[in-house]
Structures are given as structure tokens and as C-alpha cells.
Amino acid sequence: YGAISASWDEEAGGSLGWSEFTTNLG
């Protein structure tokens, strides 16, 4: 989860990264 939930945008990303996780998992 820690690896998949990180957005590759330097500025983006919440504290938990749930939206990035769902995007990357998709």
C-alpha cells in the first residue's frame, strides 16, 4: 500500500493516499 499509494506528482498526495491508491491500482 505504501508503494502503490504514492502519487508521482511532487506536489500532490494526501496524508493517507487513498485516492492515489485507487488510481494506481486501476
mmCIF file of all heavy atoms, coordinates in Angstrom:
data_MODEL
# 
_entry.id   MODEL 
# 
loop_
_atom_site.group_PDB 
_atom_site.id 
_atom_site.type_symbol 
_atom_site.label_atom_id 
_atom_site.label_alt_id 
_atom_site.label_comp_id 
_atom_site.label_asym_id 
_atom_site.label_entity_id 
_atom_site.label_seq_id 
_atom_site.pdbx_PDB_ins_code 
_atom_site.Cartn_x 
_atom_site.Cartn_y 
_atom_site.Cartn_z 
_atom_site.occupancy 
_atom_site.B_iso_or_equiv 
_atom_site.pdbx_formal_charge 
_atom_site.auth_seq_id 
_atom_site.auth_comp_id 
_atom_site.auth_asym_id 
_atom_site.auth_atom_id 
_atom_site.pdbx_PDB_model_num 
ATOM 1   N N   . TYR A 1 1  ? 0.833   -1.201 0.000   1.00 0.00 ? 1  TYR A N   1 
ATOM 2   C CA  . TYR A 1 1  ? 0.000   0.000  0.000   1.00 0.00 ? 1  TYR A CA  1 
ATOM 3   C C   . TYR A 1 1  ? 0.873   1.259  0.000   1.00 0.00 ? 1  TYR A C   1 
ATOM 4   O O   . TYR A 1 1  ? 0.567   2.218  -0.699  1.00 0.00 ? 1  TYR A O   1 
ATOM 5   C CB  . TYR A 1 1  ? -0.927  0.015  1.221   1.00 0.00 ? 1  TYR A CB  1 
ATOM 6   C CG  . TYR A 1 1  ? -1.788  1.254  1.265   1.00 0.00 ? 1  TYR A CG  1 
ATOM 7   C CD1 . TYR A 1 1  ? -2.913  1.354  0.476   1.00 0.00 ? 1  TYR A CD1 1 
ATOM 8   C CD2 . TYR A 1 1  ? -1.451  2.330  2.082   1.00 0.00 ? 1  TYR A CD2 1 
ATOM 9   C CE1 . TYR A 1 1  ? -3.701  2.491  0.496   1.00 0.00 ? 1  TYR A CE1 1 
ATOM 10  C CE2 . TYR A 1 1  ? -2.234  3.465  2.105   1.00 0.00 ? 1  TYR A CE2 1 
ATOM 11  C CZ  . TYR A 1 1  ? -3.349  3.544  1.314   1.00 0.00 ? 1  TYR A CZ  1 
ATOM 12  O OH  . TYR A 1 1  ? -4.114  4.674  1.323   1.00 0.00 ? 1  TYR A OH  1 
ATOM 13  N N   . GLY A 1 2  ? 1.939   1.253  0.768   1.00 0.00 ? 2  GLY A N   1 
ATOM 14  C CA  . GLY A 1 2  ? 2.820   2.420  0.819   1.00 0.00 ? 2  GLY A CA  1 
ATOM 15  C C   . GLY A 1 2  ? 3.437   2.738  -0.526  1.00 0.00 ? 2  GLY A C   1 
ATOM 16  O O   . GLY A 1 2  ? 3.591   3.904  -0.895  1.00 0.00 ? 2  GLY A O   1 
ATOM 17  N N   . ALA A 1 3  ? 3.792   1.707  -1.281  1.00 0.00 ? 3  ALA A N   1 
ATOM 18  C CA  . ALA A 1 3  ? 4.397   1.939  -2.595  1.00 0.00 ? 3  ALA A CA  1 
ATOM 19  C C   . ALA A 1 3  ? 3.361   2.334  -3.636  1.00 0.00 ? 3  ALA A C   1 
ATOM 20  O O   . ALA A 1 3  ? 3.609   3.214  -4.462  1.00 0.00 ? 3  ALA A O   1 
ATOM 21  C CB  . ALA A 1 3  ? 5.128   0.681  -3.045  1.00 0.00 ? 3  ALA A CB  1 
ATOM 22  N N   . ILE A 1 4  ? 2.201   1.709  -3.593  1.00 0.00 ? 4  ILE A N   1 
ATOM 23  C CA  . ILE A 1 4  ? 1.185   1.976  -4.619  1.00 0.00 ? 4  ILE A CA  1 
ATOM 24  C C   . ILE A 1 4  ? 0.428   3.270  -4.356  1.00 0.00 ? 4  ILE A C   1 
ATOM 25  O O   . ILE A 1 4  ? -0.033  3.923  -5.280  1.00 0.00 ? 4  ILE A O   1 
ATOM 26  C CB  . ILE A 1 4  ? 0.213   0.776  -4.727  1.00 0.00 ? 4  ILE A CB  1 
ATOM 27  C CG1 . ILE A 1 4  ? 0.977   -0.451 -5.202  1.00 0.00 ? 4  ILE A CG1 1 
ATOM 28  C CG2 . ILE A 1 4  ? -0.921  1.060  -5.673  1.00 0.00 ? 4  ILE A CG2 1 
ATOM 29  C CD1 . ILE A 1 4  ? 0.169   -1.721 -5.168  1.00 0.00 ? 4  ILE A CD1 1 
ATOM 30  N N   . SER A 1 5  ? 0.333   3.682  -3.104  1.00 0.00 ? 5  SER A N   1 
ATOM 31  C CA  . SER A 1 5  ? -0.497  4.850  -2.782  1.00 0.00 ? 5  SER A CA  1 
ATOM 32  C C   . SER A 1 5  ? 0.203   6.182  -2.986  1.00 0.00 ? 5  SER A C   1 
ATOM 33  O O   . SER A 1 5  ? -0.397  7.225  -2.754  1.00 0.00 ? 5  SER A O   1 
ATOM 34  C CB  . SER A 1 5  ? -0.968  4.767  -1.327  1.00 0.00 ? 5  SER A CB  1 
ATOM 35  O OG  . SER A 1 5  ? 0.132   4.936  -0.456  1.00 0.00 ? 5  SER A OG  1 
ATOM 36  N N   . ALA A 1 6  ? 1.443   6.176  -3.411  1.00 0.00 ? 6  ALA A N   1 
ATOM 37  C CA  . ALA A 1 6  ? 2.159   7.434  -3.603  1.00 0.00 ? 6  ALA A CA  1 
ATOM 38  C C   . ALA A 1 6  ? 1.966   7.942  -5.025  1.00 0.00 ? 6  ALA A C   1 
ATOM 39  O O   . ALA A 1 6  ? 2.199   7.220  -5.982  1.00 0.00 ? 6  ALA A O   1 
ATOM 40  C CB  . ALA A 1 6  ? 3.643   7.250  -3.314  1.00 0.00 ? 6  ALA A CB  1 
ATOM 41  N N   . SER A 1 7  ? 1.535   9.176  -5.126  1.00 0.00 ? 7  SER A N   1 
ATOM 42  C CA  . SER A 1 7  ? 1.405   9.822  -6.427  1.00 0.00 ? 7  SER A CA  1 
ATOM 43  C C   . SER A 1 7  ? 2.787   10.253 -6.893  1.00 0.00 ? 7  SER A C   1 
ATOM 44  O O   . SER A 1 7  ? 3.630   10.637 -6.100  1.00 0.00 ? 7  SER A O   1 
ATOM 45  C CB  . SER A 1 7  ? 0.501   11.045 -6.317  1.00 0.00 ? 7  SER A CB  1 
ATOM 46  O OG  . SER A 1 7  ? 0.535   11.785 -7.509  1.00 0.00 ? 7  SER A OG  1 
ATOM 47  N N   . TRP A 1 8  ? 3.025   10.188 -8.211  1.00 0.00 ? 8  TRP A N   1 
ATOM 48  C CA  . TRP A 1 8  ? 4.321   10.582 -8.743  1.00 0.00 ? 8  TRP A CA  1 
ATOM 49  C C   . TRP A 1 8  ? 4.412   12.086 -8.981  1.00 0.00 ? 8  TRP A C   1 
ATOM 50  O O   . TRP A 1 8  ? 5.441   12.585 -9.417  1.00 0.00 ? 8  TRP A O   1 
ATOM 51  C CB  . TRP A 1 8  ? 4.610   9.803  -10.016 1.00 0.00 ? 8  TRP A CB  1 
ATOM 52  C CG  . TRP A 1 8  ? 5.111   8.441  -9.688  1.00 0.00 ? 8  TRP A CG  1 
ATOM 53  C CD1 . TRP A 1 8  ? 4.456   7.468  -9.010  1.00 0.00 ? 8  TRP A CD1 1 
ATOM 54  C CD2 . TRP A 1 8  ? 6.395   7.909  -9.997  1.00 0.00 ? 8  TRP A CD2 1 
ATOM 55  N NE1 . TRP A 1 8  ? 5.243   6.362  -8.888  1.00 0.00 ? 8  TRP A NE1 1 
ATOM 56  C CE2 . TRP A 1 8  ? 6.435   6.602  -9.485  1.00 0.00 ? 8  TRP A CE2 1 
ATOM 57  C CE3 . TRP A 1 8  ? 7.503   8.397  -10.659 1.00 0.00 ? 8  TRP A CE3 1 
ATOM 58  C CZ2 . TRP A 1 8  ? 7.544   5.793  -9.611  1.00 0.00 ? 8  TRP A CZ2 1 
ATOM 59  C CZ3 . TRP A 1 8  ? 8.601   7.582  -10.794 1.00 0.00 ? 8  TRP A CZ3 1 
ATOM 60  C CH2 . TRP A 1 8  ? 8.625   6.300  -10.268 1.00 0.00 ? 8  TRP A CH2 1 
ATOM 61  N N   . ASP A 1 9  ? 3.352   12.805 -8.706  1.00 0.00 ? 9  ASP A N   1 
ATOM 62  C CA  . ASP A 1 9  ? 3.416   14.261 -8.748  1.00 0.00 ? 9  ASP A CA  1 
ATOM 63  C C   . ASP A 1 9  ? 4.082   14.732 -7.472  1.00 0.00 ? 9  ASP A C   1 
ATOM 64  O O   . ASP A 1 9  ? 3.736   14.293 -6.378  1.00 0.00 ? 9  ASP A O   1 
ATOM 65  C CB  . ASP A 1 9  ? 2.012   14.863 -8.838  1.00 0.00 ? 9  ASP A CB  1 
ATOM 66  C CG  . ASP A 1 9  ? 1.322   14.511 -10.142 1.00 0.00 ? 9  ASP A CG  1 
ATOM 67  O OD1 . ASP A 1 9  ? 2.039   14.282 -11.141 1.00 0.00 ? 9  ASP A OD1 1 
ATOM 68  O OD2 . ASP A 1 9  ? 0.075   14.458 -10.154 1.00 0.00 ? 9  ASP A OD2 1 
ATOM 69  N N   . GLU A 1 10 ? 5.042   15.621 -7.602  1.00 0.00 ? 10 GLU A N   1 
ATOM 70  C CA  . GLU A 1 10 ? 5.803   16.045 -6.428  1.00 0.00 ? 10 GLU A CA  1 
ATOM 71  C C   . GLU A 1 10 ? 4.947   16.818 -5.440  1.00 0.00 ? 10 GLU A C   1 
ATOM 72  O O   . GLU A 1 10 ? 5.166   16.759 -4.248  1.00 0.00 ? 10 GLU A O   1 
ATOM 73  C CB  . GLU A 1 10 ? 7.013   16.869 -6.861  1.00 0.00 ? 10 GLU A CB  1 
ATOM 74  C CG  . GLU A 1 10 ? 8.038   16.028 -7.603  1.00 0.00 ? 10 GLU A CG  1 
ATOM 75  C CD  . GLU A 1 10 ? 9.325   16.777 -7.835  1.00 0.00 ? 10 GLU A CD  1 
ATOM 76  O OE1 . GLU A 1 10 ? 9.684   17.621 -6.999  1.00 0.00 ? 10 GLU A OE1 1 
ATOM 77  O OE2 . GLU A 1 10 ? 9.970   16.506 -8.856  1.00 0.00 ? 10 GLU A OE2 1 
ATOM 78  N N   . GLU A 1 11 ? 3.963   17.548 -5.929  1.00 0.00 ? 11 GLU A N   1 
ATOM 79  C CA  . GLU A 1 11 ? 3.148   18.379 -5.043  1.00 0.00 ? 11 GLU A CA  1 
ATOM 80  C C   . GLU A 1 11 ? 1.889   17.668 -4.561  1.00 0.00 ? 11 GLU A C   1 
ATOM 81  O O   . GLU A 1 11 ? 1.330   18.029 -3.546  1.00 0.00 ? 11 GLU A O   1 
ATOM 82  C CB  . GLU A 1 11 ? 2.750   19.676 -5.774  1.00 0.00 ? 11 GLU A CB  1 
ATOM 83  C CG  . GLU A 1 11 ? 3.935   20.488 -6.247  1.00 0.00 ? 11 GLU A CG  1 
ATOM 84  C CD  . GLU A 1 11 ? 4.831   20.932 -5.110  1.00 0.00 ? 11 GLU A CD  1 
ATOM 85  O OE1 . GLU A 1 11 ? 4.314   21.280 -4.027  1.00 0.00 ? 11 GLU A OE1 1 
ATOM 86  O OE2 . GLU A 1 11 ? 6.054   20.926 -5.293  1.00 0.00 ? 11 GLU A OE2 1 
ATOM 87  N N   . ALA A 1 12 ? 1.425   16.684 -5.307  1.00 0.00 ? 12 ALA A N   1 
ATOM 88  C CA  . ALA A 1 12 ? 0.152   16.028 -4.994  1.00 0.00 ? 12 ALA A CA  1 
ATOM 89  C C   . ALA A 1 12 ? 0.337   14.980 -3.904  1.00 0.00 ? 12 ALA A C   1 
ATOM 90  O O   . ALA A 1 12 ? 1.438   14.565 -3.593  1.00 0.00 ? 12 ALA A O   1 
ATOM 91  C CB  . ALA A 1 12 ? -0.412  15.377 -6.248  1.00 0.00 ? 12 ALA A CB  1 
ATOM 92  N N   . GLY A 1 13 ? -0.784  14.564 -3.353  1.00 0.00 ? 13 GLY A N   1 
ATOM 93  C CA  . GLY A 1 13 ? -0.756  13.464 -2.403  1.00 0.00 ? 13 GLY A CA  1 
ATOM 94  C C   . GLY A 1 13 ? -1.270  13.867 -1.047  1.00 0.00 ? 13 GLY A C   1 
ATOM 95  O O   . GLY A 1 13 ? -0.742  14.788 -0.427  1.00 0.00 ? 13 GLY A O   1 
ATOM 96  N N   . GLY A 1 14 ? -2.297  13.168 -0.592  1.00 0.00 ? 14 GLY A N   1 
ATOM 97  C CA  . GLY A 1 14 ? -2.821  13.408 0.738   1.00 0.00 ? 14 GLY A CA  1 
ATOM 98  C C   . GLY A 1 14 ? -2.002  12.649 1.773   1.00 0.00 ? 14 GLY A C   1 
ATOM 99  O O   . GLY A 1 14 ? -1.009  11.997 1.463   1.00 0.00 ? 14 GLY A O   1 
ATOM 100 N N   . SER A 1 15 ? -2.453  12.716 3.025   1.00 0.00 ? 15 SER A N   1 
ATOM 101 C CA  . SER A 1 15 ? -1.682  12.056 4.071   1.00 0.00 ? 15 SER A CA  1 
ATOM 102 C C   . SER A 1 15 ? -1.835  10.539 4.019   1.00 0.00 ? 15 SER A C   1 
ATOM 103 O O   . SER A 1 15 ? -0.891  9.812  4.301   1.00 0.00 ? 15 SER A O   1 
ATOM 104 C CB  . SER A 1 15 ? -2.114  12.584 5.442   1.00 0.00 ? 15 SER A CB  1 
ATOM 105 O OG  . SER A 1 15 ? -3.497  12.329 5.634   1.00 0.00 ? 15 SER A OG  1 
ATOM 106 N N   . LEU A 1 16 ? -3.032  10.045 3.647   1.00 0.00 ? 16 LEU A N   1 
ATOM 107 C CA  . LEU A 1 16 ? -3.236  8.593  3.567   1.00 0.00 ? 16 LEU A CA  1 
ATOM 108 C C   . LEU A 1 16 ? -3.063  8.058  2.156   1.00 0.00 ? 16 LEU A C   1 
ATOM 109 O O   . LEU A 1 16 ? -2.704  6.911  1.964   1.00 0.00 ? 16 LEU A O   1 
ATOM 110 C CB  . LEU A 1 16 ? -4.624  8.216  4.094   1.00 0.00 ? 16 LEU A CB  1 
ATOM 111 C CG  . LEU A 1 16 ? -4.854  8.455  5.580   1.00 0.00 ? 16 LEU A CG  1 
ATOM 112 C CD1 . LEU A 1 16 ? -6.274  8.064  5.959   1.00 0.00 ? 16 LEU A CD1 1 
ATOM 113 C CD2 . LEU A 1 16 ? -3.864  7.670  6.410   1.00 0.00 ? 16 LEU A CD2 1 
ATOM 114 N N   . GLY A 1 17 ? -3.349  8.857  1.155   1.00 0.00 ? 17 GLY A N   1 
ATOM 115 C CA  . GLY A 1 17 ? -3.135  8.464  -0.230  1.00 0.00 ? 17 GLY A CA  1 
ATOM 116 C C   . GLY A 1 17 ? -4.154  7.505  -0.797  1.00 0.00 ? 17 GLY A C   1 
ATOM 117 O O   . GLY A 1 17 ? -3.834  6.734  -1.701  1.00 0.00 ? 17 GLY A O   1 
ATOM 118 N N   . TRP A 1 18 ? -5.391  7.519  -0.279  1.00 0.00 ? 18 TRP A N   1 
ATOM 119 C CA  . TRP A 1 18 ? -6.390  6.578  -0.762  1.00 0.00 ? 18 TRP A CA  1 
ATOM 120 C C   . TRP A 1 18 ? -6.764  6.836  -2.217  1.00 0.00 ? 18 TRP A C   1 
ATOM 121 O O   . TRP A 1 18 ? -6.913  5.887  -3.006  1.00 0.00 ? 18 TRP A O   1 
ATOM 122 C CB  . TRP A 1 18 ? -7.637  6.603  0.122   1.00 0.00 ? 18 TRP A CB  1 
ATOM 123 C CG  . TRP A 1 18 ? -8.636  5.596  -0.314  1.00 0.00 ? 18 TRP A CG  1 
ATOM 124 C CD1 . TRP A 1 18 ? -9.824  5.832  -0.926  1.00 0.00 ? 18 TRP A CD1 1 
ATOM 125 C CD2 . TRP A 1 18 ? -8.518  4.180  -0.214  1.00 0.00 ? 18 TRP A CD2 1 
ATOM 126 N NE1 . TRP A 1 18 ? -10.459 4.650  -1.194  1.00 0.00 ? 18 TRP A NE1 1 
ATOM 127 C CE2 . TRP A 1 18 ? -9.671  3.608  -0.770  1.00 0.00 ? 18 TRP A CE2 1 
ATOM 128 C CE3 . TRP A 1 18 ? -7.540  3.323  0.294   1.00 0.00 ? 18 TRP A CE3 1 
ATOM 129 C CZ2 . TRP A 1 18 ? -9.884  2.239  -0.837  1.00 0.00 ? 18 TRP A CZ2 1 
ATOM 130 C CZ3 . TRP A 1 18 ? -7.762  1.959  0.224   1.00 0.00 ? 18 TRP A CZ3 1 
ATOM 131 C CH2 . TRP A 1 18 ? -8.917  1.446  -0.325  1.00 0.00 ? 18 TRP A CH2 1 
ATOM 132 N N   . SER A 1 19 ? -6.916  8.092  -2.611  1.00 0.00 ? 19 SER A N   1 
ATOM 133 C CA  . SER A 1 19 ? -7.298  8.376  -3.998  1.00 0.00 ? 19 SER A CA  1 
ATOM 134 C C   . SER A 1 19 ? -6.187  7.959  -4.967  1.00 0.00 ? 19 SER A C   1 
ATOM 135 O O   . SER A 1 19 ? -6.464  7.434  -6.046  1.00 0.00 ? 19 SER A O   1 
ATOM 136 C CB  . SER A 1 19 ? -7.646  9.851  -4.174  1.00 0.00 ? 19 SER A CB  1 
ATOM 137 O OG  . SER A 1 19 ? -6.523  10.654 -3.900  1.00 0.00 ? 19 SER A OG  1 
ATOM 138 N N   . GLU A 1 20 ? -4.915  8.177  -4.574  1.00 0.00 ? 20 GLU A N   1 
ATOM 139 C CA  . GLU A 1 20 ? -3.800  7.749  -5.418  1.00 0.00 ? 20 GLU A CA  1 
ATOM 140 C C   . GLU A 1 20 ? -3.744  6.227  -5.505  1.00 0.00 ? 20 GLU A C   1 
ATOM 141 O O   . GLU A 1 20 ? -3.430  5.660  -6.542  1.00 0.00 ? 20 GLU A O   1 
ATOM 142 C CB  . GLU A 1 20 ? -2.467  8.275  -4.881  1.00 0.00 ? 20 GLU A CB  1 
ATOM 143 C CG  . GLU A 1 20 ? -2.288  9.772  -5.013  1.00 0.00 ? 20 GLU A CG  1 
ATOM 144 C CD  . GLU A 1 20 ? -2.825  10.514 -3.798  1.00 0.00 ? 20 GLU A CD  1 
ATOM 145 O OE1 . GLU A 1 20 ? -3.367  9.874  -2.878  1.00 0.00 ? 20 GLU A OE1 1 
ATOM 146 O OE2 . GLU A 1 20 ? -2.706  11.747 -3.775  1.00 0.00 ? 20 GLU A OE2 1 
ATOM 147 N N   . PHE A 1 21 ? -4.061  5.559  -4.387  1.00 0.00 ? 21 PHE A N   1 
ATOM 148 C CA  . PHE A 1 21 ? -4.053  4.098  -4.373  1.00 0.00 ? 21 PHE A CA  1 
ATOM 149 C C   . PHE A 1 21 ? -5.083  3.545  -5.346  1.00 0.00 ? 21 PHE A C   1 
ATOM 150 O O   . PHE A 1 21 ? -4.782  2.635  -6.129  1.00 0.00 ? 21 PHE A O   1 
ATOM 151 C CB  . PHE A 1 21 ? -4.329  3.574  -2.960  1.00 0.00 ? 21 PHE A CB  1 
ATOM 152 C CG  . PHE A 1 21 ? -4.444  2.080  -2.879  1.00 0.00 ? 21 PHE A CG  1 
ATOM 153 C CD1 . PHE A 1 21 ? -3.315  1.283  -2.946  1.00 0.00 ? 21 PHE A CD1 1 
ATOM 154 C CD2 . PHE A 1 21 ? -5.681  1.472  -2.749  1.00 0.00 ? 21 PHE A CD2 1 
ATOM 155 C CE1 . PHE A 1 21 ? -3.408  -0.094 -2.882  1.00 0.00 ? 21 PHE A CE1 1 
ATOM 156 C CE2 . PHE A 1 21 ? -5.791  0.097  -2.682  1.00 0.00 ? 21 PHE A CE2 1 
ATOM 157 C CZ  . PHE A 1 21 ? -4.652  -0.687 -2.746  1.00 0.00 ? 21 PHE A CZ  1 
ATOM 158 N N   . THR A 1 22 ? -6.294  4.077  -5.302  1.00 0.00 ? 22 THR A N   1 
ATOM 159 C CA  . THR A 1 22 ? -7.332  3.570  -6.207  1.00 0.00 ? 22 THR A CA  1 
ATOM 160 C C   . THR A 1 22 ? -6.973  3.848  -7.662  1.00 0.00 ? 22 THR A C   1 
ATOM 161 O O   . THR A 1 22 ? -7.203  3.002  -8.528  1.00 0.00 ? 22 THR A O   1 
ATOM 162 C CB  . THR A 1 22 ? -8.703  4.181  -5.867  1.00 0.00 ? 22 THR A CB  1 
ATOM 163 O OG1 . THR A 1 22 ? -8.602  5.603  -5.883  1.00 0.00 ? 22 THR A OG1 1 
ATOM 164 C CG2 . THR A 1 22 ? -9.192  3.709  -4.501  1.00 0.00 ? 22 THR A CG2 1 
ATOM 165 N N   . THR A 1 23 ? -6.391  5.019  -7.930  1.00 0.00 ? 23 THR A N   1 
ATOM 166 C CA  . THR A 1 23 ? -5.973  5.342  -9.295  1.00 0.00 ? 23 THR A CA  1 
ATOM 167 C C   . THR A 1 23 ? -4.885  4.387  -9.773  1.00 0.00 ? 23 THR A C   1 
ATOM 168 O O   . THR A 1 23 ? -4.973  3.821  -10.867 1.00 0.00 ? 23 THR A O   1 
ATOM 169 C CB  . THR A 1 23 ? -5.452  6.792  -9.366  1.00 0.00 ? 23 THR A CB  1 
ATOM 170 O OG1 . THR A 1 23 ? -6.481  7.673  -8.927  1.00 0.00 ? 23 THR A OG1 1 
ATOM 171 C CG2 . THR A 1 23 ? -5.016  7.152  -10.769 1.00 0.00 ? 23 THR A CG2 1 
ATOM 172 N N   . ASN A 1 24 ? -3.841  4.204  -8.962  1.00 0.00 ? 24 ASN A N   1 
ATOM 173 C CA  . ASN A 1 24 ? -2.725  3.344  -9.355  1.00 0.00 ? 24 ASN A CA  1 
ATOM 174 C C   . ASN A 1 24 ? -3.135  1.878  -9.445  1.00 0.00 ? 24 ASN A C   1 
ATOM 175 O O   . ASN A 1 24 ? -2.652  1.149  -10.307 1.00 0.00 ? 24 ASN A O   1 
ATOM 176 C CB  . ASN A 1 24 ? -1.558  3.513  -8.382  1.00 0.00 ? 24 ASN A CB  1 
ATOM 177 C CG  . ASN A 1 24 ? -0.920  4.877  -8.504  1.00 0.00 ? 24 ASN A CG  1 
ATOM 178 O OD1 . ASN A 1 24 ? -1.036  5.541  -9.520  1.00 0.00 ? 24 ASN A OD1 1 
ATOM 179 N ND2 . ASN A 1 24 ? -0.247  5.308  -7.453  1.00 0.00 ? 24 ASN A ND2 1 
ATOM 180 N N   . LEU A 1 25 ? -4.018  1.440  -8.558  1.00 0.00 ? 25 LEU A N   1 
ATOM 181 C CA  . LEU A 1 25 ? -4.497  0.056  -8.614  1.00 0.00 ? 25 LEU A CA  1 
ATOM 182 C C   . LEU A 1 25 ? -5.313  -0.175 -9.881  1.00 0.00 ? 25 LEU A C   1 
ATOM 183 O O   . LEU A 1 25 ? -5.187  -1.229 -10.527 1.00 0.00 ? 25 LEU A O   1 
ATOM 184 C CB  . LEU A 1 25 ? -5.321  -0.279 -7.370  1.00 0.00 ? 25 LEU A CB  1 
ATOM 185 C CG  . LEU A 1 25 ? -5.711  -1.740 -7.212  1.00 0.00 ? 25 LEU A CG  1 
ATOM 186 C CD1 . LEU A 1 25 ? -4.468  -2.600 -7.011  1.00 0.00 ? 25 LEU A CD1 1 
ATOM 187 C CD2 . LEU A 1 25 ? -6.646  -1.907 -6.040  1.00 0.00 ? 25 LEU A CD2 1 
ATOM 188 N N   . GLY A 1 26 ? -6.115  0.802  -10.265 1.00 0.00 ? 26 GLY A N   1 
ATOM 189 C CA  . GLY A 1 26 ? -6.874  0.699  -11.517 1.00 0.00 ? 26 GLY A CA  1 
ATOM 190 C C   . GLY A 1 26 ? -5.952  0.616  -12.722 1.00 0.00 ? 26 GLY A C   1 
ATOM 191 O O   . GLY A 1 26 ? -6.207  -0.157 -13.651 1.00 0.00 ? 26 GLY A O   1 
# 
